[in-house]
Amino acid sequence: MRTRFTAVCLLLLFLCIPTQSSANQVSPASPSDVVRQFYAWYLHSLNKNIPEPLKDKSTALKYLTAQLYKNAPRLTRRMDADIFICAQDWFPEWEKNFTFSPPTVRGTTATTVVTLSSGADRIRIKVAMKKTNVGWRIDSVECAN
């Protein structure tokens, strides 16, 4: 009986160890990852003729704070342009030609500048991020000069 109890305990222990070590190996996305993944998704959506990518709320909230997600429609109306690309229209080549500066991280905030390129034309967007309890999220965007 004692041998059986010990065997069951050891089995349970071994079953728990891989789960814990797997969870520990997952690292939260860095500010660079969040910006790269957001703009890749957003620009790809525009190129697929999805005029309002943010309607995919579950995907949008992987990259944006809830506050920015909530305010984006109002900010877009006020600016009379898409706040994430600082334009009313987009160029398909932006999907493959956007770049961003290395993020400057200060505690729980980070900033970077995204550049959308089409030929000689360039649009720059200042992106501010916040570290939340679920990871880095874009908290604000601003058209840069």
C-alpha atoms as a PDB file:
ATOM      1  CA  MET A   1       0.000   0.000   0.000  1.00  0.00           C
ATOM      2  CA  ARG A   2       2.784   2.426   0.900  1.00  0.00           C
ATOM      3  CA  THR A   3       4.604   1.665  -2.362  1.00  0.00           C
ATOM      4  CA  ARG A   4       1.473   2.396  -4.333  1.00  0.00           C
ATOM      5  CA  PHE A   5       0.987   5.715  -2.488  1.00  0.00           C
ATOM      6  CA  THR A   6       4.610   6.709  -3.156  1.00  0.00           C
ATOM      7  CA  ALA A   7       4.262   5.791  -6.834  1.00  0.00           C
ATOM      8  CA  VAL A   8       1.108   7.887  -7.189  1.00  0.00           C
ATOM      9  CA  CYS A   9       2.787  10.857  -5.474  1.00  0.00           C
ATOM     10  CA  LEU A  10       5.817  10.612  -7.752  1.00  0.00           C
ATOM     11  CA  LEU A  11       3.603  10.370 -10.818  1.00  0.00           C
ATOM     12  CA  LEU A  12       1.691  13.485  -9.810  1.00  0.00           C
ATOM     13  CA  LEU A  13       4.938  15.322  -9.151  1.00  0.00           C
ATOM     14  CA  PHE A  14       6.303  14.473 -12.597  1.00  0.00           C
ATOM     15  CA  LEU A  15       3.057  15.481 -14.265  1.00  0.00           C
ATOM     16  CA  CYS A  16       3.170  18.918 -12.630  1.00  0.00           C
ATOM     17  CA  ILE A  17       6.815  19.732 -13.372  1.00  0.00           C
ATOM     18  CA  PRO A  18       6.549  20.082 -17.189  1.00  0.00           C
ATOM     19  CA  THR A  19       3.519  22.345 -16.882  1.00  0.00           C
ATOM     20  CA  GLN A  20       5.281  24.713 -14.511  1.00  0.00           C
ATOM     21  CA  SER A  21       8.533  24.828 -16.463  1.00  0.00           C
ATOM     22  CA  SER A  22       6.612  25.421 -19.726  1.00  0.00           C
ATOM     23  CA  ALA A  23       4.783  28.334 -18.150  1.00  0.00           C
ATOM     24  CA  ASN A  24       8.039  29.794 -16.902  1.00  0.00           C
ATOM     25  CA  GLN A  25       9.565  29.630 -20.393  1.00  0.00           C
ATOM     26  CA  VAL A  26       6.900  31.889 -21.926  1.00  0.00           C
ATOM     27  CA  SER A  27       8.204  35.422 -21.834  1.00  0.00           C
ATOM     28  CA  PRO A  28       5.927  38.410 -22.242  1.00  0.00           C
ATOM     29  CA  ALA A  29       6.130  40.224 -25.571  1.00  0.00           C
ATOM     30  CA  SER A  30       8.585  43.109 -25.570  1.00  0.00           C
ATOM     31  CA  PRO A  31       7.566  46.626 -26.649  1.00  0.00           C
ATOM     32  CA  SER A  32       9.266  45.922 -30.013  1.00  0.00           C
ATOM     33  CA  ASP A  33       7.226  42.748 -30.466  1.00  0.00           C
ATOM     34  CA  VAL A  34       3.963  44.525 -29.686  1.00  0.00           C
ATOM     35  CA  VAL A  35       4.609  47.368 -32.153  1.00  0.00           C
ATOM     36  CA  ARG A  36       5.829  45.022 -34.903  1.00  0.00           C
ATOM     37  CA  GLN A  37       2.925  42.609 -34.472  1.00  0.00           C
ATOM     38  CA  PHE A  38       0.288  45.346 -34.217  1.00  0.00           C
ATOM     39  CA  TYR A  39       1.378  47.187 -37.362  1.00  0.00           C
ATOM     40  CA  ALA A  40       1.840  43.921 -39.294  1.00  0.00           C
ATOM     41  CA  TRP A  41      -1.708  42.877 -38.350  1.00  0.00           C
ATOM     42  CA  TYR A  42      -3.261  46.328 -38.836  1.00  0.00           C
ATOM     43  CA  LEU A  43      -1.676  47.054 -42.220  1.00  0.00           C
ATOM     44  CA  HIS A  44      -2.378  43.524 -43.448  1.00  0.00           C
ATOM     45  CA  SER A  45      -6.029  43.986 -42.476  1.00  0.00           C
ATOM     46  CA  LEU A  46      -6.214  47.259 -44.407  1.00  0.00           C
ATOM     47  CA  ASN A  47      -4.657  45.550 -47.438  1.00  0.00           C
ATOM     48  CA  LYS A  48      -7.312  42.831 -47.211  1.00  0.00           C
ATOM     49  CA  ASN A  49      -9.906  45.638 -47.536  1.00  0.00           C
ATOM     50  CA  ILE A  50     -10.999  45.411 -43.915  1.00  0.00           C
ATOM     51  CA  PRO A  51     -11.770  49.122 -43.422  1.00  0.00           C
ATOM     52  CA  GLU A  52     -12.045  48.922 -39.636  1.00  0.00           C
ATOM     53  CA  PRO A  53      -9.565  46.361 -38.271  1.00  0.00           C
ATOM     54  CA  LEU A  54     -10.411  47.374 -34.691  1.00  0.00           C
ATOM     55  CA  LYS A  55     -13.794  45.684 -35.030  1.00  0.00           C
ATOM     56  CA  ASP A  56     -11.794  42.520 -34.312  1.00  0.00           C
ATOM     57  CA  LYS A  57     -11.785  43.440 -30.638  1.00  0.00           C
ATOM     58  CA  SER A  58     -10.054  40.321 -29.328  1.00  0.00           C
ATOM     59  CA  THR A  59      -7.082  40.832 -31.653  1.00  0.00           C
ATOM     60  CA  ALA A  60      -6.958  44.597 -31.114  1.00  0.00           C
ATOM     61  CA  LEU A  61      -6.818  44.163 -27.333  1.00  0.00           C
ATOM     62  CA  LYS A  62      -3.726  41.965 -27.695  1.00  0.00           C
ATOM     63  CA  TYR A  63      -1.920  45.154 -28.701  1.00  0.00           C
ATOM     64  CA  LEU A  64      -3.889  48.143 -27.354  1.00  0.00           C
ATOM     65  CA  THR A  65      -4.854  49.240 -23.869  1.00  0.00           C
ATOM     66  CA  ALA A  66      -8.582  49.101 -23.222  1.00  0.00           C
ATOM     67  CA  GLN A  67      -8.583  52.899 -22.896  1.00  0.00           C
ATOM     68  CA  LEU A  68      -7.014  53.475 -26.326  1.00  0.00           C
ATOM     69  CA  TYR A  69      -9.312  50.883 -27.868  1.00  0.00           C
ATOM     70  CA  LYS A  70     -12.318  52.673 -26.394  1.00  0.00           C
ATOM     71  CA  ASN A  71     -11.138  56.152 -27.480  1.00  0.00           C
ATOM     72  CA  ALA A  72      -9.857  55.264 -30.973  1.00  0.00           C
ATOM     73  CA  PRO A  73     -13.135  55.905 -32.863  1.00  0.00           C
ATOM     74  CA  ARG A  74     -13.569  59.329 -31.255  1.00  0.00           C
ATOM     75  CA  LEU A  75      -9.918  60.251 -31.880  1.00  0.00           C
ATOM     76  CA  THR A  76     -10.200  59.150 -35.506  1.00  0.00           C
ATOM     77  CA  ARG A  77     -13.319  61.284 -36.021  1.00  0.00           C
ATOM     78  CA  ARG A  78     -11.648  64.272 -34.381  1.00  0.00           C
ATOM     79  CA  MET A  79      -8.506  63.912 -36.508  1.00  0.00           C
ATOM     80  CA  ASP A  80     -10.496  63.011 -39.650  1.00  0.00           C
ATOM     81  CA  ALA A  81      -7.860  60.360 -40.351  1.00  0.00           C
ATOM     82  CA  ASP A  82      -6.854  56.934 -39.141  1.00  0.00           C
ATOM     83  CA  ILE A  83      -4.923  57.592 -35.927  1.00  0.00           C
ATOM     84  CA  PHE A  84      -2.675  54.547 -36.378  1.00  0.00           C
ATOM     85  CA  ILE A  85      -1.407  55.588 -39.805  1.00  0.00           C
ATOM     86  CA  CYS A  86      -1.939  59.381 -39.603  1.00  0.00           C
ATOM     87  CA  ALA A  87      -3.709  59.358 -42.969  1.00  0.00           C
ATOM     88  CA  GLN A  88      -7.100  58.845 -44.562  1.00  0.00           C
ATOM     89  CA  ASP A  89      -5.746  56.417 -47.149  1.00  0.00           C
ATOM     90  CA  TRP A  90      -2.941  53.894 -47.032  1.00  0.00           C
ATOM     91  CA  PHE A  91      -0.397  52.467 -49.419  1.00  0.00           C
ATOM     92  CA  PRO A  92      -0.308  48.666 -49.784  1.00  0.00           C
ATOM     93  CA  GLU A  93       3.512  48.694 -49.602  1.00  0.00           C
ATOM     94  CA  TRP A  94       3.388  49.964 -46.013  1.00  0.00           C
ATOM     95  CA  GLU A  95       2.693  46.410 -44.900  1.00  0.00           C
ATOM     96  CA  LYS A  96       6.200  45.383 -45.989  1.00  0.00           C
ATOM     97  CA  ASN A  97       7.969  48.732 -45.501  1.00  0.00           C
ATOM     98  CA  PHE A  98       7.178  49.956 -42.008  1.00  0.00           C
ATOM     99  CA  THR A  99      10.017  50.401 -39.546  1.00  0.00           C
ATOM    100  CA  PHE A 100      10.307  51.585 -35.966  1.00  0.00           C
ATOM    101  CA  SER A 101      13.030  52.953 -33.777  1.00  0.00           C
ATOM    102  CA  PRO A 102      14.309  50.890 -30.841  1.00  0.00           C
ATOM    103  CA  PRO A 103      11.849  51.550 -28.019  1.00  0.00           C
ATOM    104  CA  THR A 104      12.981  53.713 -25.137  1.00  0.00           C
ATOM    105  CA  VAL A 105      11.832  51.957 -21.971  1.00  0.00           C
ATOM    106  CA  ARG A 106      11.435  53.840 -18.697  1.00  0.00           C
ATOM    107  CA  GLY A 107       9.946  51.637 -16.009  1.00  0.00           C
ATOM    108  CA  THR A 108       6.446  50.699 -17.102  1.00  0.00           C
ATOM    109  CA  THR A 109       6.350  52.966 -20.167  1.00  0.00           C
ATOM    110  CA  ALA A 110       8.032  52.782 -23.544  1.00  0.00           C
ATOM    111  CA  THR A 111       8.065  54.969 -26.645  1.00  0.00           C
ATOM    112  CA  THR A 112       9.050  54.418 -30.251  1.00  0.00           C
ATOM    113  CA  VAL A 113       8.528  56.055 -33.624  1.00  0.00           C
ATOM    114  CA  VAL A 114       6.944  54.026 -36.413  1.00  0.00           C
ATOM    115  CA  THR A 115       7.747  55.066 -39.987  1.00  0.00           C
ATOM    116  CA  LEU A 116       5.500  54.121 -42.889  1.00  0.00           C
ATOM    117  CA  SER A 117       7.348  54.391 -46.208  1.00  0.00           C
ATOM    118  CA  SER A 118       6.100  54.581 -49.777  1.00  0.00           C
ATOM    119  CA  GLY A 119       8.730  55.761 -52.224  1.00  0.00           C
ATOM    120  CA  ALA A 120      10.023  59.100 -50.978  1.00  0.00           C
ATOM    121  CA  ASP A 121       6.931  59.657 -48.806  1.00  0.00           C
ATOM    122  CA  ARG A 122       7.261  58.914 -45.123  1.00  0.00           C
ATOM    123  CA  ILE A 123       4.752  59.123 -42.291  1.00  0.00           C
ATOM    124  CA  ARG A 124       6.030  59.012 -38.729  1.00  0.00           C
ATOM    125  CA  ILE A 125       3.885  58.003 -35.761  1.00  0.00           C
ATOM    126  CA  LYS A 126       4.999  58.360 -32.149  1.00  0.00           C
ATOM    127  CA  VAL A 127       3.773  55.315 -30.231  1.00  0.00           C
ATOM    128  CA  ALA A 128       3.634  55.207 -26.431  1.00  0.00           C
ATOM    129  CA  MET A 129       3.214  51.894 -24.619  1.00  0.00           C
ATOM    130  CA  LYS A 130       2.334  50.910 -21.101  1.00  0.00           C
ATOM    131  CA  LYS A 131       3.199  47.715 -19.278  1.00  0.00           C
ATOM    132  CA  THR A 132      -0.053  46.292 -17.949  1.00  0.00           C
ATOM    133  CA  ASN A 133      -0.796  43.192 -15.933  1.00  0.00           C
ATOM    134  CA  VAL A 134      -1.172  41.280 -19.232  1.00  0.00           C
ATOM    135  CA  GLY A 135       1.964  42.684 -20.881  1.00  0.00           C
ATOM    136  CA  TRP A 136       2.968  45.663 -23.008  1.00  0.00           C
ATOM    137  CA  ARG A 137       0.141  47.469 -24.782  1.00  0.00           C
ATOM    138  CA  ILE A 138       0.013  50.528 -27.055  1.00  0.00           C
ATOM    139  CA  ASP A 139      -1.485  53.327 -24.975  1.00  0.00           C
ATOM    140  CA  SER A 140      -1.345  56.291 -27.356  1.00  0.00           C
ATOM    141  CA  VAL A 141      -0.363  57.277 -30.871  1.00  0.00           C
ATOM    142  CA  GLU A 142       0.506  60.702 -32.177  1.00  0.00           C
ATOM    143  CA  CYS A 143       1.452  61.937 -35.619  1.00  0.00           C
ATOM    144  CA  ALA A 144       5.085  63.025 -35.495  1.00  0.00           C
ATOM    145  CA  ASN A 145       6.693  65.729 -37.590  1.00  0.00           C
END
